[in-house]
Every structure is written in C-alpha cells, then in structure tokens.
Amino acid sequence: MVFGHIHPQVKHQSRHFTEGSVWYTGYWVTGAKSLVASFVFNCVKCCRHRGRCSEQKMTDLPSDRVVEFAPFSHVGVDVCGL
C-alpha cells in the first residue's frame, strides 16, 4: 500500500502527517484515517519510540551492606600496583 512508502518519508511522524502526505501526492483513499492509524500503530520503529519506560527491578541489599560503621573501619589496600 502507499502508506508503507510515505510513512518513512515523513520521518515516522503521526497519522496526521502521513495522511496529509498521502493526499498531497494525489491519492484519495476511502477510510484513510483508520487505515493510516492502523499502519502507524503497527510500525516497528513507531512502536519502539512509543514504548513505555520500564522500571528497574532491584532486590534488597544484603544486611552486611546496610549496617552502619564508622568511616574507614574497613579499608583495602592494593599492594601489587605501583
């Protein structure tokens, strides 16, 4: 269909830009609004940009990592490097 050619030309913008570009090229498609909306909704690049931000899943820290100590009570020294 003509939408597959025009949608990337308008840089994967919304349905309005794609539909307007179809009309501008001289095509008049019956029911174009729903067809273009369906095409844009199923476009892989548009789905990636439209995706929701995911939340990081992190477990609780071990108890020995959250116990309060005085500063410099546990120190490590690298004696192999110069």
PDB file of N, CA and C in Angstrom:
ATOM      1  N   MET A   1       0.848  -1.185   0.000  1.00  0.00           N
ATOM      2  CA  MET A   1       0.000   0.000   0.000  1.00  0.00           C
ATOM      3  C   MET A   1       0.885   1.237   0.000  1.00  0.00           C
ATOM      4  N   VAL A   2       0.338   2.350  -0.320  1.00  0.00           N
ATOM      5  CA  VAL A   2       1.079   3.599  -0.441  1.00  0.00           C
ATOM      6  C   VAL A   2       1.574   4.096   0.925  1.00  0.00           C
ATOM      7  N   PHE A   3       0.958   3.676   2.020  1.00  0.00           N
ATOM      8  CA  PHE A   3       1.352   4.155   3.341  1.00  0.00           C
ATOM      9  C   PHE A   3       2.750   3.680   3.717  1.00  0.00           C
ATOM     10  N   GLY A   4       3.102   2.469   3.276  1.00  0.00           N
ATOM     11  CA  GLY A   4       4.425   1.921   3.586  1.00  0.00           C
ATOM     12  C   GLY A   4       5.548   2.703   2.940  1.00  0.00           C
ATOM     13  N   HIS A   5       5.252   3.412   1.883  1.00  0.00           N
ATOM     14  CA  HIS A   5       6.262   4.215   1.208  1.00  0.00           C
ATOM     15  C   HIS A   5       6.302   5.642   1.770  1.00  0.00           C
ATOM     16  N   ILE A   6       5.153   6.184   2.130  1.00  0.00           N
ATOM     17  CA  ILE A   6       5.075   7.583   2.546  1.00  0.00           C
ATOM     18  C   ILE A   6       5.402   7.761   4.025  1.00  0.00           C
ATOM     19  N   HIS A   7       5.032   6.816   4.853  1.00  0.00           N
ATOM     20  CA  HIS A   7       5.270   6.950   6.305  1.00  0.00           C
ATOM     21  C   HIS A   7       6.755   7.140   6.633  1.00  0.00           C
ATOM     22  N   PRO A   8       7.695   6.384   6.059  1.00  0.00           N
ATOM     23  CA  PRO A   8       9.112   6.674   6.318  1.00  0.00           C
ATOM     24  C   PRO A   8       9.569   8.009   5.720  1.00  0.00           C
ATOM     25  N   GLN A   9       8.936   8.452   4.636  1.00  0.00           N
ATOM     26  CA  GLN A   9       9.312   9.729   4.037  1.00  0.00           C
ATOM     27  C   GLN A   9       8.992  10.905   4.948  1.00  0.00           C
ATOM     28  N   VAL A  10       7.942  10.790   5.746  1.00  0.00           N
ATOM     29  CA  VAL A  10       7.601  11.863   6.691  1.00  0.00           C
ATOM     30  C   VAL A  10       8.253  11.628   8.039  1.00  0.00           C
ATOM     31  N   LYS A  11       9.301  10.783   8.050  1.00  0.00           N
ATOM     32  CA  LYS A  11      10.137  10.528   9.234  1.00  0.00           C
ATOM     33  C   LYS A  11       9.346   9.940  10.397  1.00  0.00           C
ATOM     34  N   HIS A  12       8.425   9.035  10.087  1.00  0.00           N
ATOM     35  CA  HIS A  12       7.651   8.290  11.086  1.00  0.00           C
ATOM     36  C   HIS A  12       6.897   9.219  12.041  1.00  0.00           C
ATOM     37  N   GLN A  13       6.352  10.287  11.477  1.00  0.00           N
ATOM     38  CA  GLN A  13       5.553  11.182  12.294  1.00  0.00           C
ATOM     39  C   GLN A  13       4.151  10.630  12.437  1.00  0.00           C
ATOM     40  N   SER A  14       3.271  11.396  13.002  1.00  0.00           N
ATOM     41  CA  SER A  14       1.955  10.896  13.387  1.00  0.00           C
ATOM     42  C   SER A  14       1.071  10.578  12.175  1.00  0.00           C
ATOM     43  N   ARG A  15      -0.125  10.122  12.491  1.00  0.00           N
ATOM     44  CA  ARG A  15      -1.102   9.776  11.465  1.00  0.00           C
ATOM     45  C   ARG A  15      -1.452  10.991  10.621  1.00  0.00           C
ATOM     46  N   HIS A  16      -1.505  12.151  11.225  1.00  0.00           N
ATOM     47  CA  HIS A  16      -1.902  13.357  10.512  1.00  0.00           C
ATOM     48  C   HIS A  16      -0.906  13.706   9.403  1.00  0.00           C
ATOM     49  N   PHE A  17       0.379  13.618   9.701  1.00  0.00           N
ATOM     50  CA  PHE A  17       1.395  13.929   8.701  1.00  0.00           C
ATOM     51  C   PHE A  17       1.378  12.902   7.561  1.00  0.00           C
ATOM     52  N   THR A  18       1.231  11.633   7.929  1.00  0.00           N
ATOM     53  CA  THR A  18       1.210  10.588   6.905  1.00  0.00           C
ATOM     54  C   THR A  18      -0.023  10.724   6.017  1.00  0.00           C
ATOM     55  N   GLU A  19      -1.163  10.953   6.635  1.00  0.00           N
ATOM     56  CA  GLU A  19      -2.403  11.093   5.867  1.00  0.00           C
ATOM     57  C   GLU A  19      -2.352  12.336   4.971  1.00  0.00           C
ATOM     58  N   GLY A  20      -1.829  13.437   5.471  1.00  0.00           N
ATOM     59  CA  GLY A  20      -1.710  14.646   4.663  1.00  0.00           C
ATOM     60  C   GLY A  20      -0.755  14.458   3.498  1.00  0.00           C
ATOM     61  N   SER A  21       0.313  13.720   3.706  1.00  0.00           N
ATOM     62  CA  SER A  21       1.258  13.463   2.630  1.00  0.00           C
ATOM     63  C   SER A  21       0.650  12.549   1.565  1.00  0.00           C
ATOM     64  N   VAL A  22      -0.197  11.620   1.973  1.00  0.00           N
ATOM     65  CA  VAL A  22      -0.903  10.757   1.005  1.00  0.00           C
ATOM     66  C   VAL A  22      -1.806  11.618   0.138  1.00  0.00           C
ATOM     67  N   TRP A  23      -2.536  12.532   0.761  1.00  0.00           N
ATOM     68  CA  TRP A  23      -3.417  13.412  -0.007  1.00  0.00           C
ATOM     69  C   TRP A  23      -2.614  14.335  -0.913  1.00  0.00           C
ATOM     70  N   TYR A  24      -1.456  14.801  -0.423  1.00  0.00           N
ATOM     71  CA  TYR A  24      -0.631  15.722  -1.193  1.00  0.00           C
ATOM     72  C   TYR A  24      -0.072  15.057  -2.454  1.00  0.00           C
ATOM     73  N   THR A  25       0.219  13.775  -2.369  1.00  0.00           N
ATOM     74  CA  THR A  25       0.733  13.072  -3.545  1.00  0.00           C
ATOM     75  C   THR A  25      -0.354  12.773  -4.569  1.00  0.00           C
ATOM     76  N   GLY A  26      -1.606  13.043  -4.237  1.00  0.00           N
ATOM     77  CA  GLY A  26      -2.675  12.889  -5.206  1.00  0.00           C
ATOM     78  C   GLY A  26      -3.550  11.672  -5.010  1.00  0.00           C
ATOM     79  N   TYR A  27      -3.309  10.902  -3.964  1.00  0.00           N
ATOM     80  CA  TYR A  27      -4.129   9.711  -3.697  1.00  0.00           C
ATOM     81  C   TYR A  27      -5.284  10.091  -2.780  1.00  0.00           C
ATOM     82  N   TRP A  28      -6.442   9.550  -3.081  1.00  0.00           N
ATOM     83  CA  TRP A  28      -7.585   9.714  -2.206  1.00  0.00           C
ATOM     84  C   TRP A  28      -8.047   8.318  -1.835  1.00  0.00           C
ATOM     85  N   VAL A  29      -7.818   7.940  -0.584  1.00  0.00           N
ATOM     86  CA  VAL A  29      -8.120   6.587  -0.126  1.00  0.00           C
ATOM     87  C   VAL A  29      -9.365   6.653   0.746  1.00  0.00           C
ATOM     88  N   THR A  30     -10.336   5.833   0.443  1.00  0.00           N
ATOM     89  CA  THR A  30     -11.549   5.769   1.249  1.00  0.00           C
ATOM     90  C   THR A  30     -11.221   5.110   2.587  1.00  0.00           C
ATOM     91  N   GLY A  31     -11.598   5.760   3.666  1.00  0.00           N
ATOM     92  CA  GLY A  31     -11.303   5.241   5.002  1.00  0.00           C
ATOM     93  C   GLY A  31      -9.835   5.361   5.357  1.00  0.00           C
ATOM     94  N   ALA A  32      -9.183   6.404   4.854  1.00  0.00           N
ATOM     95  CA  ALA A  32      -7.743   6.553   5.045  1.00  0.00           C
ATOM     96  C   ALA A  32      -7.377   6.777   6.511  1.00  0.00           C
ATOM     97  N   LYS A  33      -8.245   7.439   7.256  1.00  0.00           N
ATOM     98  CA  LYS A  33      -7.913   7.747   8.650  1.00  0.00           C
ATOM     99  C   LYS A  33      -7.655   6.473   9.454  1.00  0.00           C
ATOM    100  N   SER A  34      -8.546   5.512   9.350  1.00  0.00           N
ATOM    101  CA  SER A  34      -8.371   4.274  10.110  1.00  0.00           C
ATOM    102  C   SER A  34      -7.255   3.411   9.534  1.00  0.00           C
ATOM    103  N   LEU A  35      -7.087   3.415   8.218  1.00  0.00           N
ATOM    104  CA  LEU A  35      -6.022   2.631   7.607  1.00  0.00           C
ATOM    105  C   LEU A  35      -4.640   3.167   7.989  1.00  0.00           C
ATOM    106  N   VAL A  36      -4.490   4.488   7.934  1.00  0.00           N
ATOM    107  CA  VAL A  36      -3.207   5.087   8.297  1.00  0.00           C
ATOM    108  C   VAL A  36      -2.949   4.898   9.785  1.00  0.00           C
ATOM    109  N   ALA A  37      -3.964   5.065  10.608  1.00  0.00           N
ATOM    110  CA  ALA A  37      -3.792   4.876  12.048  1.00  0.00           C
ATOM    111  C   ALA A  37      -3.366   3.450  12.365  1.00  0.00           C
ATOM    112  N   SER A  38      -3.954   2.479  11.683  1.00  0.00           N
ATOM    113  CA  SER A  38      -3.579   1.085  11.881  1.00  0.00           C
ATOM    114  C   SER A  38      -2.145   0.836  11.440  1.00  0.00           C
ATOM    115  N   PHE A  39      -1.761   1.434  10.301  1.00  0.00           N
ATOM    116  CA  PHE A  39      -0.397   1.251   9.801  1.00  0.00           C
ATOM    117  C   PHE A  39       0.625   1.869  10.750  1.00  0.00           C
ATOM    118  N   VAL A  40       0.368   3.075  11.236  1.00  0.00           N
ATOM    119  CA  VAL A  40       1.298   3.744  12.154  1.00  0.00           C
ATOM    120  C   VAL A  40       1.369   2.992  13.481  1.00  0.00           C
ATOM    121  N   PHE A  41       0.238   2.455  13.942  1.00  0.00           N
ATOM    122  CA  PHE A  41       0.216   1.711  15.204  1.00  0.00           C
ATOM    123  C   PHE A  41       1.046   0.437  15.108  1.00  0.00           C
ATOM    124  N   ASN A  42       1.080  -0.201  13.935  1.00  0.00           N
ATOM    125  CA  ASN A  42       1.821  -1.444  13.755  1.00  0.00           C
ATOM    126  C   ASN A  42       3.243  -1.238  13.236  1.00  0.00           C
ATOM    127  N   CYS A  43       3.656  -0.002  13.016  1.00  0.00           N
ATOM    128  CA  CYS A  43       5.005   0.289  12.535  1.00  0.00           C
ATOM    129  C   CYS A  43       6.013  -0.041  13.640  1.00  0.00           C
ATOM    130  N   VAL A  44       7.054  -0.788  13.317  1.00  0.00           N
ATOM    131  CA  VAL A  44       8.005  -1.262  14.318  1.00  0.00           C
ATOM    132  C   VAL A  44       8.774  -0.095  14.933  1.00  0.00           C
ATOM    133  N   LYS A  45       9.265   0.824  14.113  1.00  0.00           N
ATOM    134  CA  LYS A  45      10.006   1.968  14.641  1.00  0.00           C
ATOM    135  C   LYS A  45       9.135   2.833  15.536  1.00  0.00           C
ATOM    136  N   CYS A  46       7.902   3.050  15.125  1.00  0.00           N
ATOM    137  CA  CYS A  46       7.000   3.869  15.927  1.00  0.00           C
ATOM    138  C   CYS A  46       6.656   3.179  17.254  1.00  0.00           C
ATOM    139  N   CYS A  47       6.539   1.858  17.239  1.00  0.00           N
ATOM    140  CA  CYS A  47       6.266   1.119  18.481  1.00  0.00           C
ATOM    141  C   CYS A  47       7.424   1.267  19.457  1.00  0.00           C
ATOM    142  N   ARG A  48       8.645   1.258  18.950  1.00  0.00           N
ATOM    143  CA  ARG A  48       9.807   1.419  19.830  1.00  0.00           C
ATOM    144  C   ARG A  48       9.857   2.798  20.444  1.00  0.00           C
ATOM    145  N   HIS A  49       9.537   3.819  19.663  1.00  0.00           N
ATOM    146  CA  HIS A  49       9.552   5.184  20.190  1.00  0.00           C
ATOM    147  C   HIS A  49       8.372   5.453  21.112  1.00  0.00           C
ATOM    148  N   ARG A  50       7.291   4.746  20.902  1.00  0.00           N
ATOM    149  CA  ARG A  50       6.077   4.946  21.677  1.00  0.00           C
ATOM    150  C   ARG A  50       6.087   4.127  22.971  1.00  0.00           C
ATOM    151  N   GLY A  51       7.065   3.244  23.137  1.00  0.00           N
ATOM    152  CA  GLY A  51       7.084   2.322  24.268  1.00  0.00           C
ATOM    153  C   GLY A  51       7.175   3.007  25.613  1.00  0.00           C
ATOM    154  N   ARG A  52       6.732   2.326  26.613  1.00  0.00           N
ATOM    155  CA  ARG A  52       6.759   2.851  27.972  1.00  0.00           C
ATOM    156  C   ARG A  52       8.139   2.649  28.582  1.00  0.00           C
ATOM    157  N   CYS A  53       8.488   3.544  29.465  1.00  0.00           N
ATOM    158  CA  CYS A  53       9.750   3.406  30.185  1.00  0.00           C
ATOM    159  C   CYS A  53       9.593   2.295  31.218  1.00  0.00           C
ATOM    160  N   SER A  54      10.575   1.449  31.295  1.00  0.00           N
ATOM    161  CA  SER A  54      10.500   0.344  32.249  1.00  0.00           C
ATOM    162  C   SER A  54      11.171   0.750  33.561  1.00  0.00           C
ATOM    163  N   GLU A  55      10.729   0.127  34.612  1.00  0.00           N
ATOM    164  CA  GLU A  55      11.306   0.387  35.920  1.00  0.00           C
ATOM    165  C   GLU A  55      12.336  -0.689  36.228  1.00  0.00           C
ATOM    166  N   GLN A  56      13.377  -0.281  36.892  1.00  0.00           N
ATOM    167  CA  GLN A  56      14.427  -1.226  37.225  1.00  0.00           C
ATOM    168  C   GLN A  56      13.969  -2.099  38.384  1.00  0.00           C
ATOM    169  N   LYS A  57      14.146  -3.403  38.229  1.00  0.00           N
ATOM    170  CA  LYS A  57      13.781  -4.338  39.274  1.00  0.00           C
ATOM    171  C   LYS A  57      15.047  -4.669  40.053  1.00  0.00           C
ATOM    172  N   MET A  58      15.070  -4.296  41.304  1.00  0.00           N
ATOM    173  CA  MET A  58      16.264  -4.495  42.108  1.00  0.00           C
ATOM    174  C   MET A  58      15.858  -5.103  43.447  1.00  0.00           C
ATOM    175  N   THR A  59      16.600  -6.085  43.865  1.00  0.00           N
ATOM    176  CA  THR A  59      16.309  -6.731  45.130  1.00  0.00           C
ATOM    177  C   THR A  59      16.903  -5.914  46.277  1.00  0.00           C
ATOM    178  N   ASP A  60      16.540  -6.273  47.500  1.00  0.00           N
ATOM    179  CA  ASP A  60      17.088  -5.593  48.672  1.00  0.00           C
ATOM    180  C   ASP A  60      18.563  -5.950  48.832  1.00  0.00           C
ATOM    181  N   LEU A  61      19.317  -5.002  49.359  1.00  0.00           N
ATOM    182  CA  LEU A  61      20.738  -5.242  49.586  1.00  0.00           C
ATOM    183  C   LEU A  61      20.923  -6.191  50.765  1.00  0.00           C
ATOM    184  N   PRO A  62      22.017  -6.952  50.793  1.00  0.00           N
ATOM    185  CA  PRO A  62      22.274  -7.816  51.942  1.00  0.00           C
ATOM    186  C   PRO A  62      22.478  -6.981  53.209  1.00  0.00           C
ATOM    187  N   SER A  63      22.218  -7.600  54.339  1.00  0.00           N
ATOM    188  CA  SER A  63      22.261  -6.851  55.601  1.00  0.00           C
ATOM    189  C   SER A  63      23.661  -6.327  55.925  1.00  0.00           C
ATOM    190  N   ASP A  64      24.721  -7.056  55.523  1.00  0.00           N
ATOM    191  CA  ASP A  64      26.073  -6.568  55.818  1.00  0.00           C
ATOM    192  C   ASP A  64      26.433  -5.346  54.970  1.00  0.00           C
ATOM    193  N   ARG A  65      25.664  -5.031  53.938  1.00  0.00           N
ATOM    194  CA  ARG A  65      25.921  -3.849  53.128  1.00  0.00           C
ATOM    195  C   ARG A  65      25.214  -2.613  53.668  1.00  0.00           C
ATOM    196  N   VAL A  66      24.224  -2.791  54.525  1.00  0.00           N
ATOM    197  CA  VAL A  66      23.452  -1.649  55.009  1.00  0.00           C
ATOM    198  C   VAL A  66      23.666  -1.365  56.493  1.00  0.00           C
ATOM    199  N   VAL A  67      24.556  -2.103  57.137  1.00  0.00           N
ATOM    200  CA  VAL A  67      24.854  -1.851  58.547  1.00  0.00           C
ATOM    201  C   VAL A  67      25.786  -0.646  58.633  1.00  0.00           C
ATOM    202  N   GLU A  68      25.491   0.256  59.581  1.00  0.00           N
ATOM    203  CA  GLU A  68      26.303   1.465  59.719  1.00  0.00           C
ATOM    204  C   GLU A  68      27.595   1.165  60.464  1.00  0.00           C
ATOM    205  N   PHE A  69      28.706   1.640  59.924  1.00  0.00           N
ATOM    206  CA  PHE A  69      30.018   1.525  60.547  1.00  0.00           C
ATOM    207  C   PHE A  69      30.649   2.901  60.573  1.00  0.00           C
ATOM    208  N   ALA A  70      31.675   3.037  61.399  1.00  0.00           N
ATOM    209  CA  ALA A  70      32.434   4.279  61.429  1.00  0.00           C
ATOM    210  C   ALA A  70      33.219   4.407  60.123  1.00  0.00           C
ATOM    211  N   PRO A  71      33.490   5.620  59.673  1.00  0.00           N
ATOM    212  CA  PRO A  71      34.261   5.785  58.434  1.00  0.00           C
ATOM    213  C   PRO A  71      35.639   5.138  58.545  1.00  0.00           C
ATOM    214  N   PHE A  72      36.076   4.522  57.490  1.00  0.00           N
ATOM    215  CA  PHE A  72      37.376   3.867  57.363  1.00  0.00           C
ATOM    216  C   PHE A  72      37.555   2.703  58.329  1.00  0.00           C
ATOM    217  N   SER A  73      36.465   2.073  58.779  1.00  0.00           N
ATOM    218  CA  SER A  73      36.619   0.906  59.648  1.00  0.00           C
ATOM    219  C   SER A  73      37.010  -0.339  58.823  1.00  0.00           C
ATOM    220  N   HIS A  74      36.670  -0.361  57.560  1.00  0.00           N
ATOM    221  CA  HIS A  74      37.079  -1.437  56.649  1.00  0.00           C
ATOM    222  C   HIS A  74      37.768  -0.787  55.459  1.00  0.00           C
ATOM    223  N   VAL A  75      39.085  -1.071  55.323  1.00  0.00           N
ATOM    224  CA  VAL A  75      39.868  -0.439  54.263  1.00  0.00           C
ATOM    225  C   VAL A  75      40.630  -1.529  53.522  1.00  0.00           C
ATOM    226  N   GLY A  76      40.735  -1.413  52.197  1.00  0.00           N
ATOM    227  CA  GLY A  76      41.510  -2.338  51.391  1.00  0.00           C
ATOM    228  C   GLY A  76      42.656  -1.602  50.753  1.00  0.00           C
ATOM    229  N   VAL A  77      43.804  -2.276  50.618  1.00  0.00           N
ATOM    230  CA  VAL A  77      44.982  -1.648  50.029  1.00  0.00           C
ATOM    231  C   VAL A  77      45.478  -2.525  48.882  1.00  0.00           C
ATOM    232  N   ASP A  78      45.795  -1.901  47.761  1.00  0.00           N
ATOM    233  CA  ASP A  78      46.347  -2.582  46.606  1.00  0.00           C
ATOM    234  C   ASP A  78      47.860  -2.464  46.669  1.00  0.00           C
ATOM    235  N   VAL A  79      48.534  -3.583  46.912  1.00  0.00           N
ATOM    236  CA  VAL A  79      49.999  -3.544  47.031  1.00  0.00           C
ATOM    237  C   VAL A  79      50.699  -4.073  45.779  1.00  0.00           C
ATOM    238  N   CYS A  80      49.945  -4.479  44.766  1.00  0.00           N
ATOM    239  CA  CYS A  80      50.556  -5.026  43.550  1.00  0.00           C
ATOM    240  C   CYS A  80      50.850  -3.950  42.530  1.00  0.00           C
ATOM    241  N   GLY A  81      50.127  -2.865  42.523  1.00  0.00           N
ATOM    242  CA  GLY A  81      50.348  -1.812  41.544  1.00  0.00           C
ATOM    243  C   GLY A  81      51.367  -0.796  42.040  1.00  0.00           C
ATOM    244  N   LEU A  82      51.907  -0.049  41.117  1.00  0.00           N
ATOM    245  CA  LEU A  82      52.872   0.993  41.508  1.00  0.00           C
ATOM    246  C   LEU A  82      52.308   2.358  41.317  1.00  0.00           C
TER     247      LEU A  82
END
